[in-house]
Amino acid sequence: MSHARSILLGALLILGSAVPAIAGEIRILDSMGLSRAAKYIDGNGKVIISVHAQDNKEQVPDILLSHVDGLAPDIEGTRGPDKSVIFTDVPEGVWKIKAPEQAIVITEVKIVQ
């Protein structure tokens, strides 16, 4: 093996080991299939959905995140402050918000690490 070839091979090995793992994407769709949030993260993320009920009820209805490909089970959120629903440990993928028909208006969707 030539000297130049071994230097090139060594450089490729060093550069290849310095590249971090590629982050996965979490994408959240509303009931119409429109993208409401997307973010590349390392590992699982937390999704916070802020809503208000169309009939002005104080309590937010049950909301689920459903994996669009059916590769993961639905995730049930917990009610948070200020009419929000919080989903923890959401793996990468495309997720659709499932709620009772005409029950909510989504005001904000955030994805955090």
PDB file of N, CA and C in Angstrom:
ATOM      1  N   MET A   1       0.856  -1.173   0.000  1.00  0.00           N
ATOM      2  CA  MET A   1       0.000   0.000   0.000  1.00  0.00           C
ATOM      3  C   MET A   1       0.899   1.231   0.000  1.00  0.00           C
ATOM      4  N   SER A   2       0.570   2.188  -0.821  1.00  0.00           N
ATOM      5  CA  SER A   2       1.395   3.387  -0.912  1.00  0.00           C
ATOM      6  C   SER A   2       1.216   4.248   0.338  1.00  0.00           C
ATOM      7  N   HIS A   3       2.198   5.107   0.553  1.00  0.00           N
ATOM      8  CA  HIS A   3       2.179   5.996   1.717  1.00  0.00           C
ATOM      9  C   HIS A   3       0.987   6.949   1.657  1.00  0.00           C
ATOM     10  N   ALA A   4       0.690   7.498   0.499  1.00  0.00           N
ATOM     11  CA  ALA A   4      -0.439   8.439   0.347  1.00  0.00           C
ATOM     12  C   ALA A   4      -1.768   7.741   0.620  1.00  0.00           C
ATOM     13  N   ARG A   5      -1.882   6.499   0.165  1.00  0.00           N
ATOM     14  CA  ARG A   5      -3.117   5.747   0.393  1.00  0.00           C
ATOM     15  C   ARG A   5      -3.315   5.471   1.884  1.00  0.00           C
ATOM     16  N   SER A   6      -2.279   5.126   2.609  1.00  0.00           N
ATOM     17  CA  SER A   6      -2.427   4.859   4.039  1.00  0.00           C
ATOM     18  C   SER A   6      -2.736   6.138   4.814  1.00  0.00           C
ATOM     19  N   ILE A   7      -2.211   7.276   4.386  1.00  0.00           N
ATOM     20  CA  ILE A   7      -2.554   8.550   5.030  1.00  0.00           C
ATOM     21  C   ILE A   7      -4.032   8.868   4.791  1.00  0.00           C
ATOM     22  N   LEU A   8      -4.496   8.668   3.560  1.00  0.00           N
ATOM     23  CA  LEU A   8      -5.899   8.920   3.230  1.00  0.00           C
ATOM     24  C   LEU A   8      -6.815   7.999   4.030  1.00  0.00           C
ATOM     25  N   LEU A   9      -6.463   6.737   4.127  1.00  0.00           N
ATOM     26  CA  LEU A   9      -7.265   5.787   4.897  1.00  0.00           C
ATOM     27  C   LEU A   9      -7.304   6.176   6.371  1.00  0.00           C
ATOM     28  N   GLY A  10      -6.184   6.591   6.917  1.00  0.00           N
ATOM     29  CA  GLY A  10      -6.134   7.036   8.311  1.00  0.00           C
ATOM     30  C   GLY A  10      -6.989   8.275   8.542  1.00  0.00           C
ATOM     31  N   ALA A  11      -6.938   9.213   7.614  1.00  0.00           N
ATOM     32  CA  ALA A  11      -7.745  10.433   7.737  1.00  0.00           C
ATOM     33  C   ALA A  11      -9.228  10.100   7.684  1.00  0.00           C
ATOM     34  N   LEU A  12      -9.622   9.203   6.813  1.00  0.00           N
ATOM     35  CA  LEU A  12     -11.028   8.811   6.726  1.00  0.00           C
ATOM     36  C   LEU A  12     -11.504   8.133   8.012  1.00  0.00           C
ATOM     37  N   LEU A  13     -10.664   7.299   8.595  1.00  0.00           N
ATOM     38  CA  LEU A  13     -11.037   6.644   9.850  1.00  0.00           C
ATOM     39  C   LEU A  13     -11.211   7.658  10.976  1.00  0.00           C
ATOM     40  N   ILE A  14     -10.308   8.637  11.036  1.00  0.00           N
ATOM     41  CA  ILE A  14     -10.406   9.668  12.077  1.00  0.00           C
ATOM     42  C   ILE A  14     -11.661  10.511  11.872  1.00  0.00           C
ATOM     43  N   LEU A  15     -11.897  10.946  10.633  1.00  0.00           N
ATOM     44  CA  LEU A  15     -13.088  11.762  10.358  1.00  0.00           C
ATOM     45  C   LEU A  15     -14.363  10.974  10.583  1.00  0.00           C
ATOM     46  N   GLY A  16     -14.374   9.722  10.190  1.00  0.00           N
ATOM     47  CA  GLY A  16     -15.572   8.898  10.366  1.00  0.00           C
ATOM     48  C   GLY A  16     -15.923   8.685  11.821  1.00  0.00           C
ATOM     49  N   SER A  17     -14.918   8.574  12.678  1.00  0.00           N
ATOM     50  CA  SER A  17     -15.199   8.357  14.099  1.00  0.00           C
ATOM     51  C   SER A  17     -15.587   9.656  14.811  1.00  0.00           C
ATOM     52  N   ALA A  18     -15.295  10.810  14.191  1.00  0.00           N
ATOM     53  CA  ALA A  18     -15.619  12.086  14.820  1.00  0.00           C
ATOM     54  C   ALA A  18     -17.024  12.571  14.483  1.00  0.00           C
ATOM     55  N   VAL A  19     -17.688  11.921  13.530  1.00  0.00           N
ATOM     56  CA  VAL A  19     -19.032  12.340  13.131  1.00  0.00           C
ATOM     57  C   VAL A  19     -20.032  11.849  14.172  1.00  0.00           C
ATOM     58  N   PRO A  20     -20.823  12.735  14.765  1.00  0.00           N
ATOM     59  CA  PRO A  20     -21.792  12.303  15.756  1.00  0.00           C
ATOM     60  C   PRO A  20     -22.935  11.532  15.110  1.00  0.00           C
ATOM     61  N   ALA A  21     -23.666  10.801  15.922  1.00  0.00           N
ATOM     62  CA  ALA A  21     -24.822  10.067  15.437  1.00  0.00           C
ATOM     63  C   ALA A  21     -25.856  11.058  14.901  1.00  0.00           C
ATOM     64  N   ILE A  22     -26.544  10.664  13.874  1.00  0.00           N
ATOM     65  CA  ILE A  22     -27.545  11.532  13.271  1.00  0.00           C
ATOM     66  C   ILE A  22     -28.788  11.539  14.151  1.00  0.00           C
ATOM     67  N   ALA A  23     -29.288  12.739  14.432  1.00  0.00           N
ATOM     68  CA  ALA A  23     -30.484  12.881  15.255  1.00  0.00           C
ATOM     69  C   ALA A  23     -31.701  12.441  14.459  1.00  0.00           C
ATOM     70  N   GLY A  24     -32.706  11.947  15.182  1.00  0.00           N
ATOM     71  CA  GLY A  24     -33.954  11.551  14.548  1.00  0.00           C
ATOM     72  C   GLY A  24     -34.945  12.702  14.575  1.00  0.00           C
ATOM     73  N   GLU A  25     -35.911  12.651  13.682  1.00  0.00           N
ATOM     74  CA  GLU A  25     -36.898  13.721  13.605  1.00  0.00           C
ATOM     75  C   GLU A  25     -38.205  13.274  14.235  1.00  0.00           C
ATOM     76  N   ILE A  26     -38.782  14.183  15.003  1.00  0.00           N
ATOM     77  CA  ILE A  26     -40.156  14.031  15.476  1.00  0.00           C
ATOM     78  C   ILE A  26     -40.976  15.065  14.721  1.00  0.00           C
ATOM     79  N   ARG A  27     -42.049  14.611  14.078  1.00  0.00           N
ATOM     80  CA  ARG A  27     -42.950  15.508  13.354  1.00  0.00           C
ATOM     81  C   ARG A  27     -44.364  15.259  13.881  1.00  0.00           C
ATOM     82  N   ILE A  28     -45.061  16.348  14.197  1.00  0.00           N
ATOM     83  CA  ILE A  28     -46.422  16.268  14.732  1.00  0.00           C
ATOM     84  C   ILE A  28     -47.391  16.844  13.700  1.00  0.00           C
ATOM     85  N   LEU A  29     -48.402  16.047  13.357  1.00  0.00           N
ATOM     86  CA  LEU A  29     -49.441  16.454  12.421  1.00  0.00           C
ATOM     87  C   LEU A  29     -50.750  16.664  13.174  1.00  0.00           C
ATOM     88  N   ASP A  30     -51.569  17.596  12.680  1.00  0.00           N
ATOM     89  CA  ASP A  30     -52.899  17.758  13.269  1.00  0.00           C
ATOM     90  C   ASP A  30     -53.862  16.760  12.622  1.00  0.00           C
ATOM     91  N   SER A  31     -55.129  16.812  12.986  1.00  0.00           N
ATOM     92  CA  SER A  31     -56.102  15.838  12.492  1.00  0.00           C
ATOM     93  C   SER A  31     -56.322  15.940  10.983  1.00  0.00           C
ATOM     94  N   MET A  32     -55.987  17.067  10.382  1.00  0.00           N
ATOM     95  CA  MET A  32     -56.110  17.257   8.938  1.00  0.00           C
ATOM     96  C   MET A  32     -54.852  16.811   8.187  1.00  0.00           C
ATOM     97  N   GLY A  33     -53.820  16.409   8.935  1.00  0.00           N
ATOM     98  CA  GLY A  33     -52.575  15.974   8.321  1.00  0.00           C
ATOM     99  C   GLY A  33     -51.585  17.097   8.063  1.00  0.00           C
ATOM    100  N   LEU A  34     -51.877  18.289   8.601  1.00  0.00           N
ATOM    101  CA  LEU A  34     -50.964  19.420   8.430  1.00  0.00           C
ATOM    102  C   LEU A  34     -49.878  19.372   9.496  1.00  0.00           C
ATOM    103  N   SER A  35     -48.657  19.684   9.107  1.00  0.00           N
ATOM    104  CA  SER A  35     -47.536  19.663  10.040  1.00  0.00           C
ATOM    105  C   SER A  35     -47.649  20.834  11.017  1.00  0.00           C
ATOM    106  N   ARG A  36     -47.638  20.517  12.326  1.00  0.00           N
ATOM    107  CA  ARG A  36     -47.736  21.552  13.356  1.00  0.00           C
ATOM    108  C   ARG A  36     -46.402  21.818  14.029  1.00  0.00           C
ATOM    109  N   ALA A  37     -45.494  20.830  14.016  1.00  0.00           N
ATOM    110  CA  ALA A  37     -44.159  21.008  14.602  1.00  0.00           C
ATOM    111  C   ALA A  37     -43.252  19.895  14.090  1.00  0.00           C
ATOM    112  N   ALA A  38     -41.959  20.204  14.011  1.00  0.00           N
ATOM    113  CA  ALA A  38     -40.957  19.211  13.631  1.00  0.00           C
ATOM    114  C   ALA A  38     -39.634  19.630  14.242  1.00  0.00           C
ATOM    115  N   LYS A  39     -38.890  18.628  14.703  1.00  0.00           N
ATOM    116  CA  LYS A  39     -37.590  18.933  15.310  1.00  0.00           C
ATOM    117  C   LYS A  39     -36.711  17.692  15.267  1.00  0.00           C
ATOM    118  N   TYR A  40     -35.424  17.907  14.961  1.00  0.00           N
ATOM    119  CA  TYR A  40     -34.447  16.834  15.051  1.00  0.00           C
ATOM    120  C   TYR A  40     -33.906  16.807  16.468  1.00  0.00           C
ATOM    121  N   ILE A  41     -33.942  15.636  17.089  1.00  0.00           N
ATOM    122  CA  ILE A  41     -33.453  15.501  18.457  1.00  0.00           C
ATOM    123  C   ILE A  41     -32.675  14.200  18.598  1.00  0.00           C
ATOM    124  N   ASP A  42     -31.843  14.154  19.629  1.00  0.00           N
ATOM    125  CA  ASP A  42     -31.135  12.924  19.984  1.00  0.00           C
ATOM    126  C   ASP A  42     -31.981  12.191  21.011  1.00  0.00           C
ATOM    127  N   GLY A  43     -32.386  10.980  20.715  1.00  0.00           N
ATOM    128  CA  GLY A  43     -33.198  10.207  21.641  1.00  0.00           C
ATOM    129  C   GLY A  43     -34.663  10.602  21.566  1.00  0.00           C
ATOM    130  N   ASN A  44     -35.400  10.290  22.612  1.00  0.00           N
ATOM    131  CA  ASN A  44     -36.826  10.613  22.667  1.00  0.00           C
ATOM    132  C   ASN A  44     -37.031  12.057  23.084  1.00  0.00           C
ATOM    133  N   GLY A  45     -38.180  12.596  22.731  1.00  0.00           N
ATOM    134  CA  GLY A  45     -38.473  13.978  23.056  1.00  0.00           C
ATOM    135  C   GLY A  45     -39.748  14.130  23.850  1.00  0.00           C
ATOM    136  N   LYS A  46     -40.013  15.355  24.235  1.00  0.00           N
ATOM    137  CA  LYS A  46     -41.248  15.694  24.939  1.00  0.00           C
ATOM    138  C   LYS A  46     -42.046  16.623  24.037  1.00  0.00           C
ATOM    139  N   VAL A  47     -43.342  16.326  23.886  1.00  0.00           N
ATOM    140  CA  VAL A  47     -44.220  17.130  23.047  1.00  0.00           C
ATOM    141  C   VAL A  47     -45.249  17.803  23.943  1.00  0.00           C
ATOM    142  N   ILE A  48     -45.393  19.106  23.790  1.00  0.00           N
ATOM    143  CA  ILE A  48     -46.367  19.874  24.572  1.00  0.00           C
ATOM    144  C   ILE A  48     -47.359  20.488  23.592  1.00  0.00           C
ATOM    145  N   ILE A  49     -48.624  20.119  23.758  1.00  0.00           N
ATOM    146  CA  ILE A  49     -49.681  20.624  22.879  1.00  0.00           C
ATOM    147  C   ILE A  49     -50.591  21.519  23.708  1.00  0.00           C
ATOM    148  N   SER A  50     -50.684  22.784  23.330  1.00  0.00           N
ATOM    149  CA  SER A  50     -51.579  23.733  24.004  1.00  0.00           C
ATOM    150  C   SER A  50     -52.866  23.812  23.191  1.00  0.00           C
ATOM    151  N   VAL A  51     -53.990  23.685  23.884  1.00  0.00           N
ATOM    152  CA  VAL A  51     -55.292  23.656  23.211  1.00  0.00           C
ATOM    153  C   VAL A  51     -56.309  24.458  23.991  1.00  0.00           C
ATOM    154  N   HIS A  52     -57.426  24.714  23.353  1.00  0.00           N
ATOM    155  CA  HIS A  52     -58.601  25.136  24.096  1.00  0.00           C
ATOM    156  C   HIS A  52     -59.807  24.444  23.467  1.00  0.00           C
ATOM    157  N   ALA A  53     -60.772  24.139  24.318  1.00  0.00           N
ATOM    158  CA  ALA A  53     -61.958  23.420  23.869  1.00  0.00           C
ATOM    159  C   ALA A  53     -62.864  24.365  23.101  1.00  0.00           C
ATOM    160  N   GLN A  54     -63.425  23.877  22.005  1.00  0.00           N
ATOM    161  CA  GLN A  54     -64.294  24.721  21.188  1.00  0.00           C
ATOM    162  C   GLN A  54     -65.574  25.103  21.920  1.00  0.00           C
ATOM    163  N   ASP A  55     -66.027  24.239  22.825  1.00  0.00           N
ATOM    164  CA  ASP A  55     -67.267  24.544  23.544  1.00  0.00           C
ATOM    165  C   ASP A  55     -66.995  25.281  24.855  1.00  0.00           C
ATOM    166  N   ASN A  56     -65.756  25.813  24.984  1.00  0.00           N
ATOM    167  CA  ASN A  56     -65.337  26.606  26.148  1.00  0.00           C
ATOM    168  C   ASN A  56     -65.383  25.845  27.467  1.00  0.00           C
ATOM    169  N   LYS A  57     -65.271  24.536  27.406  1.00  0.00           N
ATOM    170  CA  LYS A  57     -65.178  23.755  28.635  1.00  0.00           C
ATOM    171  C   LYS A  57     -63.835  24.046  29.295  1.00  0.00           C
ATOM    172  N   GLU A  58     -63.821  23.944  30.598  1.00  0.00           N
ATOM    173  CA  GLU A  58     -62.570  24.175  31.326  1.00  0.00           C
ATOM    174  C   GLU A  58     -61.596  23.017  31.137  1.00  0.00           C
ATOM    175  N   GLN A  59     -62.109  21.787  31.064  1.00  0.00           N
ATOM    176  CA  GLN A  59     -61.242  20.618  30.992  1.00  0.00           C
ATOM    177  C   GLN A  59     -60.916  20.271  29.541  1.00  0.00           C
ATOM    178  N   VAL A  60     -59.666  19.992  29.301  1.00  0.00           N
ATOM    179  CA  VAL A  60     -59.208  19.583  27.982  1.00  0.00           C
ATOM    180  C   VAL A  60     -59.551  18.099  27.802  1.00  0.00           C
ATOM    181  N   PRO A  61     -60.105  17.711  26.647  1.00  0.00           N
ATOM    182  CA  PRO A  61     -60.431  16.298  26.436  1.00  0.00           C
ATOM    183  C   PRO A  61     -59.171  15.449  26.312  1.00  0.00           C
ATOM    184  N   ASP A  62     -59.338  14.134  26.391  1.00  0.00           N
ATOM    185  CA  ASP A  62     -58.212  13.216  26.227  1.00  0.00           C
ATOM    186  C   ASP A  62     -57.653  13.345  24.813  1.00  0.00           C
ATOM    187  N   ILE A  63     -56.340  13.427  24.736  1.00  0.00           N
ATOM    188  CA  ILE A  63     -55.652  13.554  23.458  1.00  0.00           C
ATOM    189  C   ILE A  63     -54.589  12.470  23.391  1.00  0.00           C
ATOM    190  N   LEU A  64     -54.445  11.861  22.216  1.00  0.00           N
ATOM    191  CA  LEU A  64     -53.442  10.837  21.974  1.00  0.00           C
ATOM    192  C   LEU A  64     -52.532  11.266  20.836  1.00  0.00           C
ATOM    193  N   LEU A  65     -51.327  10.726  20.818  1.00  0.00           N
ATOM    194  CA  LEU A  65     -50.460  10.813  19.647  1.00  0.00           C
ATOM    195  C   LEU A  65     -50.439   9.431  19.022  1.00  0.00           C
ATOM    196  N   SER A  66     -50.740   9.369  17.752  1.00  0.00           N
ATOM    197  CA  SER A  66     -50.797   8.102  17.026  1.00  0.00           C
ATOM    198  C   SER A  66     -49.731   8.101  15.943  1.00  0.00           C
ATOM    199  N   HIS A  67     -48.885   7.063  15.929  1.00  0.00           N
ATOM    200  CA  HIS A  67     -47.830   6.956  14.923  1.00  0.00           C
ATOM    201  C   HIS A  67     -48.487   6.696  13.574  1.00  0.00           C
ATOM    202  N   VAL A  68     -48.184   7.513  12.562  1.00  0.00           N
ATOM    203  CA  VAL A  68     -48.890   7.408  11.287  1.00  0.00           C
ATOM    204  C   VAL A  68     -48.627   6.092  10.565  1.00  0.00           C
ATOM    205  N   ASP A  69     -47.484   5.478  10.802  1.00  0.00           N
ATOM    206  CA  ASP A  69     -47.178   4.205  10.158  1.00  0.00           C
ATOM    207  C   ASP A  69     -47.644   3.013  10.982  1.00  0.00           C
ATOM    208  N   GLY A  70     -48.141   3.263  12.177  1.00  0.00           N
ATOM    209  CA  GLY A  70     -48.576   2.170  13.040  1.00  0.00           C
ATOM    210  C   GLY A  70     -47.425   1.358  13.603  1.00  0.00           C
ATOM    211  N   LEU A  71     -46.210   1.910  13.565  1.00  0.00           N
ATOM    212  CA  LEU A  71     -45.037   1.185  14.048  1.00  0.00           C
ATOM    213  C   LEU A  71     -44.872   1.249  15.556  1.00  0.00           C
ATOM    214  N   ALA A  72     -45.605   2.126  16.190  1.00  0.00           N
ATOM    215  CA  ALA A  72     -45.508   2.276  17.647  1.00  0.00           C
ATOM    216  C   ALA A  72     -46.929   2.435  18.196  1.00  0.00           C
ATOM    217  N   PRO A  73     -47.123   2.052  19.446  1.00  0.00           N
ATOM    218  CA  PRO A  73     -48.459   2.213  20.027  1.00  0.00           C
ATOM    219  C   PRO A  73     -48.778   3.689  20.264  1.00  0.00           C
ATOM    220  N   ASP A  74     -50.079   3.986  20.376  1.00  0.00           N
ATOM    221  CA  ASP A  74     -50.500   5.351  20.697  1.00  0.00           C
ATOM    222  C   ASP A  74     -49.913   5.772  22.036  1.00  0.00           C
ATOM    223  N   ILE A  75     -49.658   7.063  22.161  1.00  0.00           N
ATOM    224  CA  ILE A  75     -49.135   7.615  23.410  1.00  0.00           C
ATOM    225  C   ILE A  75     -50.209   8.505  24.008  1.00  0.00           C
ATOM    226  N   GLU A  76     -50.511   8.254  25.273  1.00  0.00           N
ATOM    227  CA  GLU A  76     -51.505   9.068  25.982  1.00  0.00           C
ATOM    228  C   GLU A  76     -50.799  10.194  26.719  1.00  0.00           C
ATOM    229  N   GLY A  77     -51.312  11.395  26.561  1.00  0.00           N
ATOM    230  CA  GLY A  77     -50.720  12.545  27.227  1.00  0.00           C
ATOM    231  C   GLY A  77     -51.311  12.771  28.605  1.00  0.00           C
ATOM    232  N   THR A  78     -50.615  13.572  29.391  1.00  0.00           N
ATOM    233  CA  THR A  78     -51.128  13.969  30.695  1.00  0.00           C
ATOM    234  C   THR A  78     -51.451  15.455  30.644  1.00  0.00           C
ATOM    235  N   ARG A  79     -52.490  15.829  31.331  1.00  0.00           N
ATOM    236  CA  ARG A  79     -52.895  17.236  31.329  1.00  0.00           C
ATOM    237  C   ARG A  79     -51.892  18.056  32.127  1.00  0.00           C
ATOM    238  N   GLY A  80     -51.502  19.153  31.521  1.00  0.00           N
ATOM    239  CA  GLY A  80     -50.567  20.053  32.173  1.00  0.00           C
ATOM    240  C   GLY A  80     -51.256  21.366  32.501  1.00  0.00           C
ATOM    241  N   PRO A  81     -50.485  22.339  32.928  1.00  0.00           N
ATOM    242  CA  PRO A  81     -51.060  23.640  33.261  1.00  0.00           C
ATOM    243  C   PRO A  81     -51.508  24.389  31.997  1.00  0.00           C
ATOM    244  N   ASP A  82     -52.369  25.330  32.181  1.00  0.00           N
ATOM    245  CA  ASP A  82     -52.793  26.224  31.093  1.00  0.00           C
ATOM    246  C   ASP A  82     -53.337  25.492  29.872  1.00  0.00           C
ATOM    247  N   LYS A  83     -54.189  24.500  30.106  1.00  0.00           N
ATOM    248  CA  LYS A  83     -54.842  23.761  29.020  1.00  0.00           C
ATOM    249  C   LYS A  83     -53.845  23.175  28.032  1.00  0.00           C
ATOM    250  N   SER A  84     -52.824  22.542  28.565  1.00  0.00           N
ATOM    251  CA  SER A  84     -51.843  21.863  27.726  1.00  0.00           C
ATOM    252  C   SER A  84     -51.897  20.366  28.005  1.00  0.00           C
ATOM    253  N   VAL A  85     -51.401  19.597  27.055  1.00  0.00           N
ATOM    254  CA  VAL A  85     -51.261  18.152  27.203  1.00  0.00           C
ATOM    255  C   VAL A  85     -49.806  17.832  26.915  1.00  0.00           C
ATOM    256  N   ILE A  86     -49.184  17.052  27.805  1.00  0.00           N
ATOM    257  CA  ILE A  86     -47.749  16.776  27.722  1.00  0.00           C
ATOM    258  C   ILE A  86     -47.538  15.290  27.435  1.00  0.00           C
ATOM    259  N   PHE A  87     -46.717  15.018  26.440  1.00  0.00           N
ATOM    260  CA  PHE A  87     -46.352  13.660  26.059  1.00  0.00           C
ATOM    261  C   PHE A  87     -44.852  13.503  26.290  1.00  0.00           C
ATOM    262  N   THR A  88     -44.465  12.535  27.098  1.00  0.00           N
ATOM    263  CA  THR A  88     -43.045  12.313  27.382  1.00  0.00           C
ATOM    264  C   THR A  88     -42.564  11.067  26.645  1.00  0.00           C
ATOM    265  N   ASP A  89     -41.269  10.979  26.450  1.00  0.00           N
ATOM    266  CA  ASP A  89     -40.630   9.833  25.792  1.00  0.00           C
ATOM    267  C   ASP A  89     -41.223   9.520  24.422  1.00  0.00           C
ATOM    268  N   VAL A  90     -41.406  10.550  23.611  1.00  0.00           N
ATOM    269  CA  VAL A  90     -41.931  10.356  22.257  1.00  0.00           C
ATOM    270  C   VAL A  90     -40.759  10.000  21.343  1.00  0.00           C
ATOM    271  N   PRO A  91     -40.777   8.797  20.746  1.00  0.00           N
ATOM    272  CA  PRO A  91     -39.684   8.432  19.848  1.00  0.00           C
ATOM    273  C   PRO A  91     -39.800   9.137  18.500  1.00  0.00           C
ATOM    274  N   GLU A  92     -38.711   9.075  17.736  1.00  0.00           N
ATOM    275  CA  GLU A  92     -38.714   9.723  16.426  1.00  0.00           C
ATOM    276  C   GLU A  92     -39.795   9.117  15.543  1.00  0.00           C
ATOM    277  N   GLY A  93     -40.232   9.900  14.598  1.00  0.00           N
ATOM    278  CA  GLY A  93     -41.258   9.444  13.668  1.00  0.00           C
ATOM    279  C   GLY A  93     -42.279  10.535  13.430  1.00  0.00           C
ATOM    280  N   VAL A  94     -43.288  10.193  12.646  1.00  0.00           N
ATOM    281  CA  VAL A  94     -44.369  11.120  12.349  1.00  0.00           C
ATOM    282  C   VAL A  94     -45.573  10.706  13.179  1.00  0.00           C
ATOM    283  N   TRP A  95     -46.082  11.656  13.970  1.00  0.00           N
ATOM    284  CA  TRP A  95     -47.180  11.399  14.901  1.00  0.00           C
ATOM    285  C   TRP A  95     -48.360  12.302  14.576  1.00  0.00           C
ATOM    286  N   LYS A  96     -49.558  11.755  14.709  1.00  0.00           N
ATOM    287  CA  LYS A  96     -50.775  12.517  14.434  1.00  0.00           C
ATOM    288  C   LYS A  96     -51.550  12.709  15.732  1.00  0.00           C
ATOM    289  N   ILE A  97     -52.044  13.920  15.929  1.00  0.00           N
ATOM    290  CA  ILE A  97     -52.831  14.235  17.122  1.00  0.00           C
ATOM    291  C   ILE A  97     -54.224  13.640  16.951  1.00  0.00           C
ATOM    292  N   LYS A  98     -54.651  12.839  17.936  1.00  0.00           N
ATOM    293  CA  LYS A  98     -55.988  12.254  17.927  1.00  0.00           C
ATOM    294  C   LYS A  98     -56.777  12.814  19.106  1.00  0.00           C
ATOM    295  N   ALA A  99     -57.914  13.419  18.813  1.00  0.00           N
ATOM    296  CA  ALA A  99     -58.791  13.985  19.837  1.00  0.00           C
ATOM    297  C   ALA A  99     -60.220  13.810  19.348  1.00  0.00           C
ATOM    298  N   PRO A 100     -61.192  13.922  20.261  1.00  0.00           N
ATOM    299  CA  PRO A 100     -62.585  13.837  19.822  1.00  0.00           C
ATOM    300  C   PRO A 100     -62.865  14.876  18.729  1.00  0.00           C
ATOM    301  N   GLU A 101     -63.605  14.468  17.710  1.00  0.00           N
ATOM    302  CA  GLU A 101     -63.933  15.370  16.591  1.00  0.00           C
ATOM    303  C   GLU A 101     -64.473  16.698  17.080  1.00  0.00           C
ATOM    304  N   GLN A 102     -63.963  17.754  16.509  1.00  0.00           N
ATOM    305  CA  GLN A 102     -64.438  19.110  16.775  1.00  0.00           C
ATOM    306  C   GLN A 102     -64.357  19.503  18.252  1.00  0.00           C
ATOM    307  N   ALA A 103     -63.513  18.836  19.028  1.00  0.00           N
ATOM    308  CA  ALA A 103     -63.477  19.105  20.461  1.00  0.00           C
ATOM    309  C   ALA A 103     -62.442  20.160  20.842  1.00  0.00           C
ATOM    310  N   ILE A 104     -61.386  20.304  20.051  1.00  0.00           N
ATOM    311  CA  ILE A 104     -60.301  21.206  20.459  1.00  0.00           C
ATOM    312  C   ILE A 104     -59.848  22.094  19.308  1.00  0.00           C
ATOM    313  N   VAL A 105     -59.211  23.182  19.692  1.00  0.00           N
ATOM    314  CA  VAL A 105     -58.478  24.037  18.762  1.00  0.00           C
ATOM    315  C   VAL A 105     -57.038  24.036  19.253  1.00  0.00           C
ATOM    316  N   ILE A 106     -56.131  23.631  18.401  1.00  0.00           N
ATOM    317  CA  ILE A 106     -54.712  23.583  18.781  1.00  0.00           C
ATOM    318  C   ILE A 106     -54.136  24.988  18.654  1.00  0.00           C
ATOM    319  N   THR A 107     -53.575  25.487  19.739  1.00  0.00           N
ATOM    320  CA  THR A 107     -53.002  26.834  19.719  1.00  0.00           C
ATOM    321  C   THR A 107     -51.484  26.813  19.561  1.00  0.00           C
ATOM    322  N   GLU A 108     -50.824  25.740  20.035  1.00  0.00           N
ATOM    323  CA  GLU A 108     -49.368  25.659  19.922  1.00  0.00           C
ATOM    324  C   GLU A 108     -48.914  24.221  20.120  1.00  0.00           C
ATOM    325  N   VAL A 109     -47.868  23.844  19.387  1.00  0.00           N
ATOM    326  CA  VAL A 109     -47.238  22.530  19.546  1.00  0.00           C
ATOM    327  C   VAL A 109     -45.743  22.767  19.664  1.00  0.00           C
ATOM    328  N   LYS A 110     -45.137  22.258  20.752  1.00  0.00           N
ATOM    329  CA  LYS A 110     -43.695  22.395  20.967  1.00  0.00           C
ATOM    330  C   LYS A 110     -43.084  21.028  21.157  1.00  0.00           C
ATOM    331  N   ILE A 111     -41.887  20.854  20.625  1.00  0.00           N
ATOM    332  CA  ILE A 111     -41.108  19.643  20.826  1.00  0.00           C
ATOM    333  C   ILE A 111     -39.827  20.057  21.527  1.00  0.00           C
ATOM    334  N   VAL A 112     -39.545  19.423  22.660  1.00  0.00           N
ATOM    335  CA  VAL A 112     -38.327  19.740  23.414  1.00  0.00           C
ATOM    336  C   VAL A 112     -37.562  18.460  23.684  1.00  0.00           C
ATOM    337  N   GLN A 113     -36.278  18.605  23.934  1.00  0.00           N
ATOM    338  CA  GLN A 113     -35.393  17.455  24.203  1.00  0.00           C
ATOM    339  C   GLN A 113     -35.743  16.805  25.508  1.00  0.00           C
TER     340      GLN A 113
END
